[in-house]
Amino acid sequence: MMDEEYNKSLKQYRKCSDRHILVVETDMSSSDAQSIVALSDKIRKAGNELVGLMKNNYDQLMRTKRYRKLLALYGSTCCGQAFL
């Protein structure tokens, strides 16, 4: 009976969550394991946000470098002086 209830609640949890952990093998209490899972989820989301910010900054840096390179190449031909 315990296994059936556990499997049923596990299926409900998997339907609701965007990610899931199959097995948590530890000697911790259930509330401690849940708090660790919640903290892990927060860390994952913060990491994803940080990676997104770094990617945007890198893309902007590459655009700026290309723009400055084009100004150096073509800026002097149009007006007689380079704009940097």
N, C-alpha and C. Protein backbone atom coordinates (compact mmCIF):
# COMPACT_ATOMS: atom_id res chain seq x y z
N MET A 1 0.82 -1.19 0.00
CA MET A 1 0.00 0.00 0.00
C MET A 1 0.86 1.26 0.00
N MET A 2 1.96 1.27 0.76
CA MET A 2 2.84 2.43 0.82
C MET A 2 3.45 2.71 -0.55
N ASP A 3 3.89 1.68 -1.24
CA ASP A 3 4.52 1.86 -2.54
C ASP A 3 3.54 2.43 -3.56
N GLU A 4 2.31 1.99 -3.52
CA GLU A 4 1.31 2.50 -4.46
C GLU A 4 1.04 3.98 -4.21
N GLU A 5 0.92 4.36 -2.95
CA GLU A 5 0.70 5.77 -2.62
C GLU A 5 1.90 6.62 -3.03
N TYR A 6 3.08 6.08 -2.77
CA TYR A 6 4.30 6.81 -3.13
C TYR A 6 4.39 7.02 -4.64
N ASN A 7 4.14 5.97 -5.40
CA ASN A 7 4.21 6.08 -6.86
C ASN A 7 3.15 7.04 -7.39
N LYS A 8 1.98 7.03 -6.79
CA LYS A 8 0.92 7.94 -7.22
C LYS A 8 1.32 9.40 -6.95
N SER A 9 1.84 9.66 -5.76
CA SER A 9 2.26 11.04 -5.45
C SER A 9 3.47 11.45 -6.29
N LEU A 10 4.35 10.50 -6.60
CA LEU A 10 5.50 10.79 -7.45
C LEU A 10 5.06 11.17 -8.86
N LYS A 11 4.08 10.48 -9.39
CA LYS A 11 3.56 10.82 -10.72
C LYS A 11 2.93 12.20 -10.72
N GLN A 12 2.19 12.54 -9.66
CA GLN A 12 1.60 13.87 -9.57
C GLN A 12 2.68 14.94 -9.50
N TYR A 13 3.72 14.68 -8.74
CA TYR A 13 4.81 15.65 -8.62
C TYR A 13 5.50 15.86 -9.97
N ARG A 14 5.74 14.79 -10.69
CA ARG A 14 6.40 14.90 -11.99
C ARG A 14 5.56 15.69 -12.99
N LYS A 15 4.26 15.55 -12.91
CA LYS A 15 3.38 16.31 -13.81
C LYS A 15 3.45 17.80 -13.51
N CYS A 16 3.61 18.16 -12.25
CA CYS A 16 3.59 19.58 -11.85
C CYS A 16 4.94 20.26 -11.98
N SER A 17 6.02 19.53 -11.88
CA SER A 17 7.34 20.17 -11.84
C SER A 17 7.96 20.24 -13.23
N ASP A 18 8.82 21.27 -13.41
CA ASP A 18 9.52 21.41 -14.67
C ASP A 18 10.74 20.51 -14.73
N ARG A 19 11.17 20.01 -13.62
CA ARG A 19 12.23 19.01 -13.58
C ARG A 19 11.99 18.13 -12.37
N HIS A 20 12.56 16.97 -12.36
CA HIS A 20 12.31 16.08 -11.24
C HIS A 20 13.55 15.26 -10.92
N ILE A 21 13.59 14.77 -9.73
CA ILE A 21 14.67 13.91 -9.26
C ILE A 21 14.06 12.54 -9.06
N LEU A 22 14.69 11.54 -9.64
CA LEU A 22 14.12 10.21 -9.56
C LEU A 22 14.26 9.60 -8.17
N VAL A 23 15.47 9.65 -7.60
CA VAL A 23 15.68 9.01 -6.32
C VAL A 23 16.57 9.91 -5.46
N VAL A 24 16.18 10.11 -4.23
CA VAL A 24 17.02 10.79 -3.26
C VAL A 24 17.35 9.77 -2.18
N GLU A 25 18.58 9.25 -2.24
CA GLU A 25 18.99 8.25 -1.26
C GLU A 25 19.83 8.95 -0.19
N THR A 26 19.24 9.17 0.95
CA THR A 26 19.93 9.85 2.02
C THR A 26 19.29 9.49 3.35
N ASP A 27 19.97 9.83 4.42
CA ASP A 27 19.44 9.57 5.76
C ASP A 27 18.74 10.80 6.32
N MET A 28 18.48 11.79 5.48
CA MET A 28 17.82 13.02 5.93
C MET A 28 16.32 12.81 6.05
N SER A 29 15.74 13.74 6.76
CA SER A 29 14.28 13.71 6.84
C SER A 29 13.70 14.22 5.52
N SER A 30 12.43 14.00 5.35
CA SER A 30 11.76 14.42 4.12
C SER A 30 11.79 15.93 3.95
N SER A 31 11.59 16.67 5.03
CA SER A 31 11.59 18.13 4.93
C SER A 31 12.96 18.67 4.56
N ASP A 32 14.03 18.05 5.08
CA ASP A 32 15.39 18.48 4.72
C ASP A 32 15.66 18.21 3.24
N ALA A 33 15.24 17.05 2.76
CA ALA A 33 15.44 16.73 1.35
C ALA A 33 14.67 17.70 0.46
N GLN A 34 13.46 18.07 0.85
CA GLN A 34 12.68 19.02 0.07
C GLN A 34 13.32 20.40 0.05
N SER A 35 13.89 20.82 1.18
CA SER A 35 14.55 22.12 1.22
C SER A 35 15.79 22.12 0.35
N ILE A 36 16.51 21.01 0.30
CA ILE A 36 17.69 20.91 -0.57
C ILE A 36 17.28 20.95 -2.03
N VAL A 37 16.20 20.28 -2.38
CA VAL A 37 15.71 20.31 -3.76
C VAL A 37 15.28 21.72 -4.14
N ALA A 38 14.62 22.42 -3.24
CA ALA A 38 14.19 23.80 -3.52
C ALA A 38 15.39 24.72 -3.69
N LEU A 39 16.40 24.55 -2.85
CA LEU A 39 17.62 25.35 -2.96
C LEU A 39 18.35 25.04 -4.27
N SER A 40 18.39 23.78 -4.64
CA SER A 40 19.02 23.39 -5.90
C SER A 40 18.31 24.03 -7.09
N ASP A 41 17.00 24.11 -7.03
CA ASP A 41 16.23 24.72 -8.10
C ASP A 41 16.54 26.21 -8.20
N LYS A 42 16.65 26.89 -7.05
CA LYS A 42 17.00 28.32 -7.05
C LYS A 42 18.39 28.54 -7.63
N ILE A 43 19.34 27.69 -7.28
CA ILE A 43 20.70 27.80 -7.81
C ILE A 43 20.70 27.59 -9.32
N ARG A 44 19.94 26.62 -9.80
CA ARG A 44 19.86 26.36 -11.23
C ARG A 44 19.29 27.57 -11.97
N LYS A 45 18.23 28.17 -11.43
CA LYS A 45 17.62 29.33 -12.08
C LYS A 45 18.56 30.52 -12.08
N ALA A 46 19.27 30.74 -10.97
CA ALA A 46 20.23 31.84 -10.91
C ALA A 46 21.37 31.62 -11.91
N GLY A 47 21.82 30.39 -12.04
CA GLY A 47 22.86 30.08 -13.02
C GLY A 47 22.40 30.33 -14.44
N ASN A 48 21.17 29.95 -14.74
CA ASN A 48 20.63 30.19 -16.07
C ASN A 48 20.53 31.67 -16.37
N GLU A 49 20.12 32.46 -15.37
CA GLU A 49 20.02 33.91 -15.56
C GLU A 49 21.40 34.52 -15.78
N LEU A 50 22.38 34.06 -15.03
CA LEU A 50 23.74 34.56 -15.18
C LEU A 50 24.31 34.23 -16.56
N VAL A 51 24.08 33.02 -17.03
CA VAL A 51 24.54 32.64 -18.36
C VAL A 51 23.88 33.50 -19.43
N GLY A 52 22.61 33.79 -19.27
CA GLY A 52 21.91 34.65 -20.22
C GLY A 52 22.50 36.05 -20.26
N LEU A 53 22.78 36.62 -19.09
CA LEU A 53 23.39 37.96 -19.04
C LEU A 53 24.77 37.97 -19.68
N MET A 54 25.56 36.93 -19.40
CA MET A 54 26.90 36.85 -19.99
C MET A 54 26.82 36.73 -21.50
N LYS A 55 25.88 35.96 -22.00
CA LYS A 55 25.73 35.81 -23.45
C LYS A 55 25.34 37.13 -24.09
N ASN A 56 24.41 37.86 -23.46
CA ASN A 56 24.02 39.16 -24.01
C ASN A 56 25.18 40.14 -24.02
N ASN A 57 25.96 40.17 -22.94
CA ASN A 57 27.12 41.06 -22.89
C ASN A 57 28.16 40.69 -23.93
N TYR A 58 28.38 39.40 -24.13
CA TYR A 58 29.34 38.95 -25.13
C TYR A 58 28.87 39.33 -26.53
N ASP A 59 27.59 39.14 -26.82
CA ASP A 59 27.06 39.51 -28.13
C ASP A 59 27.21 41.01 -28.38
N GLN A 60 26.95 41.82 -27.36
CA GLN A 60 27.09 43.27 -27.51
C GLN A 60 28.56 43.63 -27.74
N LEU A 61 29.47 42.97 -27.05
CA LEU A 61 30.90 43.23 -27.24
C LEU A 61 31.32 42.91 -28.67
N MET A 62 30.84 41.79 -29.21
CA MET A 62 31.20 41.42 -30.58
C MET A 62 30.61 42.41 -31.59
N ARG A 63 29.39 42.88 -31.36
CA ARG A 63 28.80 43.88 -32.26
C ARG A 63 29.61 45.17 -32.24
N THR A 64 30.03 45.59 -31.05
CA THR A 64 30.81 46.82 -30.93
C THR A 64 32.15 46.67 -31.63
N LYS A 65 32.80 45.53 -31.47
CA LYS A 65 34.09 45.31 -32.14
C LYS A 65 33.94 45.33 -33.65
N ARG A 66 32.88 44.69 -34.16
CA ARG A 66 32.67 44.71 -35.61
C ARG A 66 32.41 46.13 -36.10
N TYR A 67 31.63 46.89 -35.35
CA TYR A 67 31.30 48.26 -35.72
C TYR A 67 32.57 49.12 -35.74
N ARG A 68 33.40 49.01 -34.73
CA ARG A 68 34.63 49.81 -34.69
C ARG A 68 35.59 49.41 -35.80
N LYS A 69 35.63 48.13 -36.12
CA LYS A 69 36.49 47.67 -37.20
C LYS A 69 36.01 48.24 -38.53
N LEU A 70 34.69 48.24 -38.74
CA LEU A 70 34.15 48.83 -39.97
C LEU A 70 34.41 50.32 -40.03
N LEU A 71 34.31 51.01 -38.91
CA LEU A 71 34.61 52.44 -38.90
C LEU A 71 36.07 52.69 -39.25
N ALA A 72 36.95 51.86 -38.74
CA ALA A 72 38.37 52.01 -39.05
C ALA A 72 38.64 51.76 -40.53
N LEU A 73 37.92 50.80 -41.11
CA LEU A 73 38.15 50.48 -42.53
C LEU A 73 37.51 51.50 -43.46
N TYR A 74 36.27 51.88 -43.19
CA TYR A 74 35.52 52.71 -44.13
C TYR A 74 35.33 54.15 -43.67
N GLY A 75 35.61 54.44 -42.42
CA GLY A 75 35.40 55.79 -41.92
C GLY A 75 36.31 56.81 -42.57
N SER A 76 37.55 56.45 -42.84
CA SER A 76 38.50 57.41 -43.41
C SER A 76 38.22 57.66 -44.88
N THR A 77 37.56 56.75 -45.57
CA THR A 77 37.30 56.95 -47.00
C THR A 77 36.14 57.90 -47.26
N CYS A 78 35.19 57.96 -46.33
CA CYS A 78 34.00 58.78 -46.60
C CYS A 78 34.23 60.25 -46.28
N CYS A 79 34.87 60.59 -45.20
CA CYS A 79 34.97 62.00 -44.79
C CYS A 79 36.41 62.47 -44.63
N GLY A 80 37.36 61.60 -44.84
CA GLY A 80 38.74 62.01 -44.71
C GLY A 80 39.32 61.79 -43.33
N GLN A 81 38.55 61.34 -42.37
CA GLN A 81 39.07 61.06 -41.04
C GLN A 81 38.33 59.88 -40.44
N ALA A 82 39.00 59.18 -39.56
CA ALA A 82 38.39 58.01 -38.92
C ALA A 82 37.72 58.44 -37.63
N PHE A 83 36.53 57.91 -37.40
CA PHE A 83 35.80 58.18 -36.17
C PHE A 83 35.94 56.99 -35.24
N LEU A 84 36.51 57.19 -34.09
CA LEU A 84 36.65 56.09 -33.13
C LEU A 84 36.01 56.42 -31.85
